[in-house]
Amino acid sequence: MAIGWMTLLKAIPWVEVAKKAPEVAESAKKLWNTIAKNTSQPEVEVEQETTLFNSQDEELKWLKDRLTANEAAYADLHKQMLASAELIKTLADQHTQLVQAVELSRKRLVRLTFIIIIVAIISVYFMITKL
């Protein structure tokens, strides 16, 4: 199972991910700000279908029912859109934090490798001089 994860992690172009992280975060923030500003629900126009009704009251009742159903569906879709935008913003922020953590780990690994090489060289030097 670990081999599969390692293969997957090696296949990810981390350099590209790191380069695109600020752009992704900025796009998510713009999306969130756009949606957050536009929380008002615009009025929906309802086209009257050519349907035969026995009276004008039946037609009005049908139109009111249809309008109520459409408004409920619209409100539900609007809530889903806000939730999706918030999720995208959260994921983009987490992605940015992950990329920063990976970059910090990479820098630490480079430093540690450098230190290990220096210690190995010093150790070899002392081993050779004591012989």
N, C-alpha and C. Protein backbone atom coordinates (compact mmCIF):
# COMPACT_ATOMS: atom_id res chain seq x y z
N MET A 1 0.82 -1.20 0.00
CA MET A 1 0.00 0.00 0.00
C MET A 1 0.86 1.26 0.00
N ALA A 2 1.96 1.24 0.78
CA ALA A 2 2.84 2.41 0.84
C ALA A 2 3.52 2.65 -0.50
N ILE A 3 3.80 1.59 -1.23
CA ILE A 3 4.44 1.73 -2.54
C ILE A 3 3.52 2.50 -3.49
N GLY A 4 2.24 2.22 -3.43
CA GLY A 4 1.28 2.94 -4.26
C GLY A 4 1.26 4.43 -3.96
N TRP A 5 1.31 4.77 -2.66
CA TRP A 5 1.31 6.18 -2.28
C TRP A 5 2.59 6.86 -2.73
N MET A 6 3.71 6.17 -2.59
CA MET A 6 4.98 6.76 -3.00
C MET A 6 5.01 6.99 -4.51
N THR A 7 4.48 6.05 -5.26
CA THR A 7 4.41 6.20 -6.71
C THR A 7 3.53 7.39 -7.07
N LEU A 8 2.42 7.51 -6.38
CA LEU A 8 1.51 8.62 -6.62
C LEU A 8 2.18 9.95 -6.28
N LEU A 9 2.85 10.02 -5.14
CA LEU A 9 3.50 11.27 -4.74
C LEU A 9 4.64 11.64 -5.68
N LYS A 10 5.34 10.64 -6.21
CA LYS A 10 6.42 10.92 -7.16
C LYS A 10 5.87 11.43 -8.49
N ALA A 11 4.66 11.02 -8.84
CA ALA A 11 4.07 11.42 -10.12
C ALA A 11 3.57 12.86 -10.11
N ILE A 12 3.40 13.44 -8.94
CA ILE A 12 2.88 14.81 -8.83
C ILE A 12 4.00 15.79 -9.18
N PRO A 13 3.74 16.72 -10.10
CA PRO A 13 4.77 17.72 -10.44
C PRO A 13 4.80 18.81 -9.37
N TRP A 14 5.56 18.59 -8.30
CA TRP A 14 5.55 19.48 -7.14
C TRP A 14 6.04 20.88 -7.49
N VAL A 15 6.93 20.99 -8.42
CA VAL A 15 7.41 22.32 -8.81
C VAL A 15 6.26 23.13 -9.40
N GLU A 16 5.46 22.50 -10.26
CA GLU A 16 4.31 23.19 -10.86
C GLU A 16 3.26 23.51 -9.79
N VAL A 17 3.06 22.58 -8.87
CA VAL A 17 2.08 22.80 -7.79
C VAL A 17 2.50 24.01 -6.96
N ALA A 18 3.78 24.08 -6.64
CA ALA A 18 4.28 25.20 -5.84
C ALA A 18 4.17 26.52 -6.60
N LYS A 19 4.41 26.49 -7.90
CA LYS A 19 4.32 27.72 -8.69
C LYS A 19 2.88 28.22 -8.80
N LYS A 20 1.93 27.29 -8.89
CA LYS A 20 0.53 27.66 -9.10
C LYS A 20 -0.22 27.94 -7.79
N ALA A 21 0.35 27.62 -6.64
CA ALA A 21 -0.36 27.78 -5.37
C ALA A 21 -0.86 29.20 -5.13
N PRO A 22 -0.03 30.23 -5.29
CA PRO A 22 -0.55 31.59 -5.07
C PRO A 22 -1.67 31.96 -6.04
N GLU A 23 -1.54 31.50 -7.28
CA GLU A 23 -2.56 31.80 -8.30
C GLU A 23 -3.89 31.13 -7.94
N VAL A 24 -3.82 29.88 -7.48
CA VAL A 24 -5.03 29.16 -7.09
C VAL A 24 -5.69 29.84 -5.89
N ALA A 25 -4.87 30.22 -4.91
CA ALA A 25 -5.41 30.88 -3.72
C ALA A 25 -6.06 32.22 -4.08
N GLU A 26 -5.42 32.97 -4.95
CA GLU A 26 -5.96 34.27 -5.36
C GLU A 26 -7.28 34.10 -6.12
N SER A 27 -7.33 33.11 -7.01
CA SER A 27 -8.56 32.86 -7.75
C SER A 27 -9.69 32.45 -6.83
N ALA A 28 -9.39 31.63 -5.84
CA ALA A 28 -10.42 31.20 -4.89
C ALA A 28 -10.92 32.39 -4.07
N LYS A 29 -10.01 33.27 -3.68
CA LYS A 29 -10.42 34.46 -2.91
C LYS A 29 -11.31 35.36 -3.76
N LYS A 30 -10.94 35.53 -5.05
CA LYS A 30 -11.77 36.36 -5.94
C LYS A 30 -13.16 35.76 -6.09
N LEU A 31 -13.21 34.42 -6.26
CA LEU A 31 -14.50 33.75 -6.39
C LEU A 31 -15.33 33.95 -5.13
N TRP A 32 -14.72 33.75 -3.98
CA TRP A 32 -15.44 33.91 -2.72
C TRP A 32 -15.93 35.34 -2.56
N ASN A 33 -15.08 36.33 -2.85
CA ASN A 33 -15.49 37.73 -2.71
C ASN A 33 -16.62 38.07 -3.67
N THR A 34 -16.57 37.56 -4.88
CA THR A 34 -17.63 37.81 -5.86
C THR A 34 -18.95 37.23 -5.39
N ILE A 35 -18.91 36.00 -4.91
CA ILE A 35 -20.15 35.35 -4.47
C ILE A 35 -20.65 35.95 -3.17
N ALA A 36 -19.74 36.29 -2.27
CA ALA A 36 -20.15 36.87 -0.99
C ALA A 36 -20.81 38.23 -1.18
N LYS A 37 -20.33 39.02 -2.14
CA LYS A 37 -20.93 40.32 -2.42
C LYS A 37 -22.33 40.17 -3.02
N ASN A 38 -22.51 39.15 -3.82
CA ASN A 38 -23.76 38.96 -4.55
C ASN A 38 -24.65 37.95 -3.83
N THR A 39 -25.01 38.25 -2.58
CA THR A 39 -25.87 37.34 -1.84
C THR A 39 -27.35 37.62 -2.06
N SER A 40 -27.64 38.74 -2.70
CA SER A 40 -29.05 39.03 -2.99
C SER A 40 -29.51 38.13 -4.13
N GLN A 41 -30.74 37.70 -4.03
CA GLN A 41 -31.28 36.80 -5.05
C GLN A 41 -32.05 37.62 -6.08
N PRO A 42 -31.58 37.60 -7.33
CA PRO A 42 -32.29 38.38 -8.36
C PRO A 42 -33.67 37.79 -8.64
N GLU A 43 -34.53 38.66 -9.12
CA GLU A 43 -35.88 38.21 -9.45
C GLU A 43 -35.84 37.35 -10.70
N VAL A 44 -36.64 36.31 -10.68
CA VAL A 44 -36.69 35.39 -11.80
C VAL A 44 -37.95 35.67 -12.60
N GLU A 45 -37.76 35.84 -13.91
CA GLU A 45 -38.92 36.06 -14.76
C GLU A 45 -39.53 34.72 -15.13
N VAL A 46 -40.83 34.65 -15.07
CA VAL A 46 -41.54 33.42 -15.40
C VAL A 46 -42.32 33.65 -16.68
N GLU A 47 -42.03 32.83 -17.69
CA GLU A 47 -42.76 32.95 -18.94
C GLU A 47 -44.09 32.20 -18.80
N GLN A 48 -45.12 32.82 -19.30
CA GLN A 48 -46.43 32.20 -19.23
C GLN A 48 -46.57 31.22 -20.39
N GLU A 49 -46.85 29.98 -20.06
CA GLU A 49 -47.02 28.97 -21.09
C GLU A 49 -48.45 29.07 -21.63
N THR A 50 -48.61 28.63 -22.83
CA THR A 50 -49.95 28.62 -23.43
C THR A 50 -50.65 27.35 -22.97
N THR A 51 -51.36 27.48 -21.89
CA THR A 51 -52.10 26.36 -21.31
C THR A 51 -53.56 26.77 -21.18
N LEU A 52 -54.42 25.84 -21.42
CA LEU A 52 -55.84 26.13 -21.30
C LEU A 52 -56.28 25.97 -19.84
N PHE A 53 -56.92 27.01 -19.32
CA PHE A 53 -57.43 26.98 -17.95
C PHE A 53 -58.92 27.28 -18.00
N ASN A 54 -59.63 26.71 -17.03
CA ASN A 54 -61.06 26.95 -16.96
C ASN A 54 -61.37 28.36 -16.46
N SER A 55 -60.49 28.89 -15.61
CA SER A 55 -60.73 30.24 -15.11
C SER A 55 -59.40 30.94 -14.88
N GLN A 56 -59.53 32.22 -14.66
CA GLN A 56 -58.32 33.01 -14.42
C GLN A 56 -57.73 32.66 -13.06
N ASP A 57 -58.59 32.28 -12.11
CA ASP A 57 -58.10 31.88 -10.78
C ASP A 57 -57.22 30.63 -10.86
N GLU A 58 -57.59 29.68 -11.69
CA GLU A 58 -56.77 28.47 -11.86
C GLU A 58 -55.41 28.82 -12.47
N GLU A 59 -55.43 29.73 -13.42
CA GLU A 59 -54.18 30.14 -14.06
C GLU A 59 -53.27 30.84 -13.06
N LEU A 60 -53.86 31.74 -12.25
CA LEU A 60 -53.06 32.43 -11.24
C LEU A 60 -52.51 31.46 -10.20
N LYS A 61 -53.33 30.49 -9.78
CA LYS A 61 -52.88 29.50 -8.81
C LYS A 61 -51.73 28.69 -9.40
N TRP A 62 -51.86 28.28 -10.64
CA TRP A 62 -50.81 27.51 -11.31
C TRP A 62 -49.52 28.32 -11.39
N LEU A 63 -49.63 29.60 -11.75
CA LEU A 63 -48.46 30.46 -11.85
C LEU A 63 -47.80 30.68 -10.48
N LYS A 64 -48.64 30.88 -9.45
CA LYS A 64 -48.09 31.05 -8.10
C LYS A 64 -47.37 29.79 -7.64
N ASP A 65 -47.97 28.64 -7.88
CA ASP A 65 -47.34 27.37 -7.49
C ASP A 65 -46.01 27.19 -8.22
N ARG A 66 -46.02 27.49 -9.50
CA ARG A 66 -44.81 27.34 -10.30
C ARG A 66 -43.74 28.32 -9.82
N LEU A 67 -44.12 29.55 -9.54
CA LEU A 67 -43.18 30.55 -9.06
C LEU A 67 -42.61 30.15 -7.70
N THR A 68 -43.46 29.66 -6.81
CA THR A 68 -43.00 29.23 -5.49
C THR A 68 -42.00 28.08 -5.62
N ALA A 69 -42.30 27.12 -6.48
CA ALA A 69 -41.39 25.99 -6.68
C ALA A 69 -40.06 26.45 -7.26
N ASN A 70 -40.12 27.36 -8.23
CA ASN A 70 -38.89 27.88 -8.84
C ASN A 70 -38.06 28.68 -7.84
N GLU A 71 -38.71 29.48 -7.01
CA GLU A 71 -37.99 30.26 -6.00
C GLU A 71 -37.32 29.34 -4.98
N ALA A 72 -38.02 28.28 -4.59
CA ALA A 72 -37.44 27.33 -3.64
C ALA A 72 -36.22 26.63 -4.25
N ALA A 73 -36.34 26.22 -5.50
CA ALA A 73 -35.23 25.56 -6.18
C ALA A 73 -34.06 26.53 -6.35
N TYR A 74 -34.36 27.77 -6.68
CA TYR A 74 -33.32 28.78 -6.84
C TYR A 74 -32.60 29.04 -5.52
N ALA A 75 -33.36 29.16 -4.45
CA ALA A 75 -32.77 29.40 -3.12
C ALA A 75 -31.86 28.24 -2.73
N ASP A 76 -32.31 27.02 -3.02
CA ASP A 76 -31.49 25.85 -2.71
C ASP A 76 -30.19 25.87 -3.51
N LEU A 77 -30.28 26.17 -4.79
CA LEU A 77 -29.08 26.24 -5.64
C LEU A 77 -28.14 27.36 -5.19
N HIS A 78 -28.73 28.46 -4.75
CA HIS A 78 -27.92 29.58 -4.27
C HIS A 78 -27.15 29.18 -3.01
N LYS A 79 -27.81 28.48 -2.10
CA LYS A 79 -27.14 28.01 -0.88
C LYS A 79 -26.02 27.03 -1.23
N GLN A 80 -26.27 26.15 -2.19
CA GLN A 80 -25.24 25.20 -2.61
C GLN A 80 -24.04 25.92 -3.24
N MET A 81 -24.32 26.97 -4.01
CA MET A 81 -23.25 27.73 -4.64
C MET A 81 -22.40 28.42 -3.57
N LEU A 82 -23.02 29.00 -2.56
CA LEU A 82 -22.27 29.65 -1.49
C LEU A 82 -21.42 28.64 -0.73
N ALA A 83 -22.00 27.48 -0.45
CA ALA A 83 -21.25 26.44 0.25
C ALA A 83 -20.08 25.94 -0.59
N SER A 84 -20.29 25.79 -1.88
CA SER A 84 -19.21 25.35 -2.78
C SER A 84 -18.10 26.38 -2.85
N ALA A 85 -18.47 27.63 -2.94
CA ALA A 85 -17.46 28.69 -3.01
C ALA A 85 -16.65 28.75 -1.71
N GLU A 86 -17.32 28.58 -0.59
CA GLU A 86 -16.61 28.58 0.69
C GLU A 86 -15.67 27.38 0.78
N LEU A 87 -16.13 26.23 0.31
CA LEU A 87 -15.28 25.04 0.30
C LEU A 87 -14.07 25.24 -0.59
N ILE A 88 -14.26 25.83 -1.76
CA ILE A 88 -13.14 26.09 -2.68
C ILE A 88 -12.13 27.03 -2.03
N LYS A 89 -12.62 28.06 -1.35
CA LYS A 89 -11.73 29.00 -0.68
C LYS A 89 -10.94 28.29 0.42
N THR A 90 -11.61 27.48 1.20
CA THR A 90 -10.94 26.74 2.27
C THR A 90 -9.89 25.79 1.71
N LEU A 91 -10.25 25.07 0.65
CA LEU A 91 -9.30 24.14 0.03
C LEU A 91 -8.09 24.89 -0.55
N ALA A 92 -8.33 26.04 -1.15
CA ALA A 92 -7.22 26.82 -1.71
C ALA A 92 -6.30 27.31 -0.60
N ASP A 93 -6.87 27.74 0.52
CA ASP A 93 -6.04 28.17 1.65
C ASP A 93 -5.23 27.00 2.20
N GLN A 94 -5.86 25.84 2.33
CA GLN A 94 -5.15 24.66 2.81
C GLN A 94 -4.07 24.24 1.83
N HIS A 95 -4.36 24.36 0.53
CA HIS A 95 -3.37 24.04 -0.50
C HIS A 95 -2.16 24.95 -0.37
N THR A 96 -2.38 26.22 -0.15
CA THR A 96 -1.28 27.17 0.02
C THR A 96 -0.44 26.81 1.24
N GLN A 97 -1.11 26.47 2.34
CA GLN A 97 -0.38 26.08 3.55
C GLN A 97 0.42 24.80 3.32
N LEU A 98 -0.16 23.85 2.60
CA LEU A 98 0.54 22.61 2.30
C LEU A 98 1.78 22.86 1.45
N VAL A 99 1.65 23.70 0.44
CA VAL A 99 2.79 24.01 -0.42
C VAL A 99 3.88 24.72 0.39
N GLN A 100 3.50 25.61 1.28
CA GLN A 100 4.48 26.29 2.12
C GLN A 100 5.20 25.29 3.03
N ALA A 101 4.44 24.35 3.60
CA ALA A 101 5.05 23.33 4.46
C ALA A 101 6.00 22.43 3.67
N VAL A 102 5.61 22.05 2.46
CA VAL A 102 6.47 21.22 1.62
C VAL A 102 7.75 21.98 1.26
N GLU A 103 7.62 23.25 0.94
CA GLU A 103 8.79 24.06 0.60
C GLU A 103 9.72 24.18 1.81
N LEU A 104 9.17 24.39 3.00
CA LEU A 104 9.98 24.47 4.21
C LEU A 104 10.69 23.14 4.46
N SER A 105 9.99 22.04 4.27
CA SER A 105 10.60 20.72 4.43
C SER A 105 11.72 20.50 3.42
N ARG A 106 11.51 20.95 2.20
CA ARG A 106 12.55 20.82 1.17
C ARG A 106 13.80 21.60 1.56
N LYS A 107 13.62 22.83 2.05
CA LYS A 107 14.76 23.64 2.47
C LYS A 107 15.50 22.98 3.63
N ARG A 108 14.75 22.45 4.58
CA ARG A 108 15.38 21.77 5.72
C ARG A 108 16.13 20.52 5.26
N LEU A 109 15.58 19.80 4.32
CA LEU A 109 16.24 18.61 3.79
C LEU A 109 17.54 18.96 3.09
N VAL A 110 17.55 20.05 2.34
CA VAL A 110 18.78 20.49 1.68
C VAL A 110 19.83 20.85 2.72
N ARG A 111 19.43 21.59 3.76
CA ARG A 111 20.38 21.95 4.83
C ARG A 111 20.91 20.71 5.53
N LEU A 112 20.02 19.79 5.86
CA LEU A 112 20.42 18.57 6.54
C LEU A 112 21.37 17.74 5.68
N THR A 113 21.10 17.65 4.39
CA THR A 113 21.99 16.93 3.48
C THR A 113 23.37 17.57 3.46
N PHE A 114 23.39 18.89 3.40
CA PHE A 114 24.66 19.61 3.40
C PHE A 114 25.43 19.33 4.70
N ILE A 115 24.76 19.39 5.82
CA ILE A 115 25.40 19.13 7.12
C ILE A 115 25.92 17.70 7.19
N ILE A 116 25.14 16.73 6.71
CA ILE A 116 25.57 15.33 6.73
C ILE A 116 26.80 15.14 5.86
N ILE A 117 26.84 15.77 4.71
CA ILE A 117 28.01 15.67 3.84
C ILE A 117 29.25 16.25 4.52
N ILE A 118 29.10 17.39 5.18
CA ILE A 118 30.22 18.01 5.89
C ILE A 118 30.69 17.10 7.03
N VAL A 119 29.77 16.57 7.80
CA VAL A 119 30.13 15.66 8.90
C VAL A 119 30.81 14.41 8.36
N ALA A 120 30.31 13.88 7.25
CA ALA A 120 30.94 12.70 6.65
C ALA A 120 32.35 13.01 6.18
N ILE A 121 32.56 14.16 5.57
CA ILE A 121 33.90 14.54 5.11
C ILE A 121 34.84 14.69 6.31
N ILE A 122 34.38 15.35 7.35
CA ILE A 122 35.20 15.53 8.56
C ILE A 122 35.53 14.18 9.18
N SER A 123 34.54 13.29 9.25
CA SER A 123 34.76 11.96 9.82
C SER A 123 35.79 11.18 9.01
N VAL A 124 35.65 11.20 7.70
CA VAL A 124 36.62 10.51 6.83
C VAL A 124 38.00 11.12 7.02
N TYR A 125 38.09 12.42 7.12
CA TYR A 125 39.38 13.09 7.31
C TYR A 125 40.04 12.62 8.61
N PHE A 126 39.29 12.59 9.71
CA PHE A 126 39.86 12.16 10.99
C PHE A 126 40.23 10.69 10.98
N MET A 127 39.44 9.88 10.27
CA MET A 127 39.76 8.46 10.17
C MET A 127 41.06 8.25 9.39
N ILE A 128 41.27 9.03 8.33
CA ILE A 128 42.48 8.90 7.52
C ILE A 128 43.70 9.41 8.29
N THR A 129 43.55 10.52 9.01
CA THR A 129 44.69 11.09 9.73
C THR A 129 45.10 10.23 10.92
N LYS A 130 44.23 9.44 11.51
CA LYS A 130 44.56 8.59 12.65
C LYS A 130 45.21 7.28 12.20
N LEU A 131 45.11 6.92 10.96
CA LEU A 131 45.73 5.70 10.48
C LEU A 131 47.16 5.92 10.30
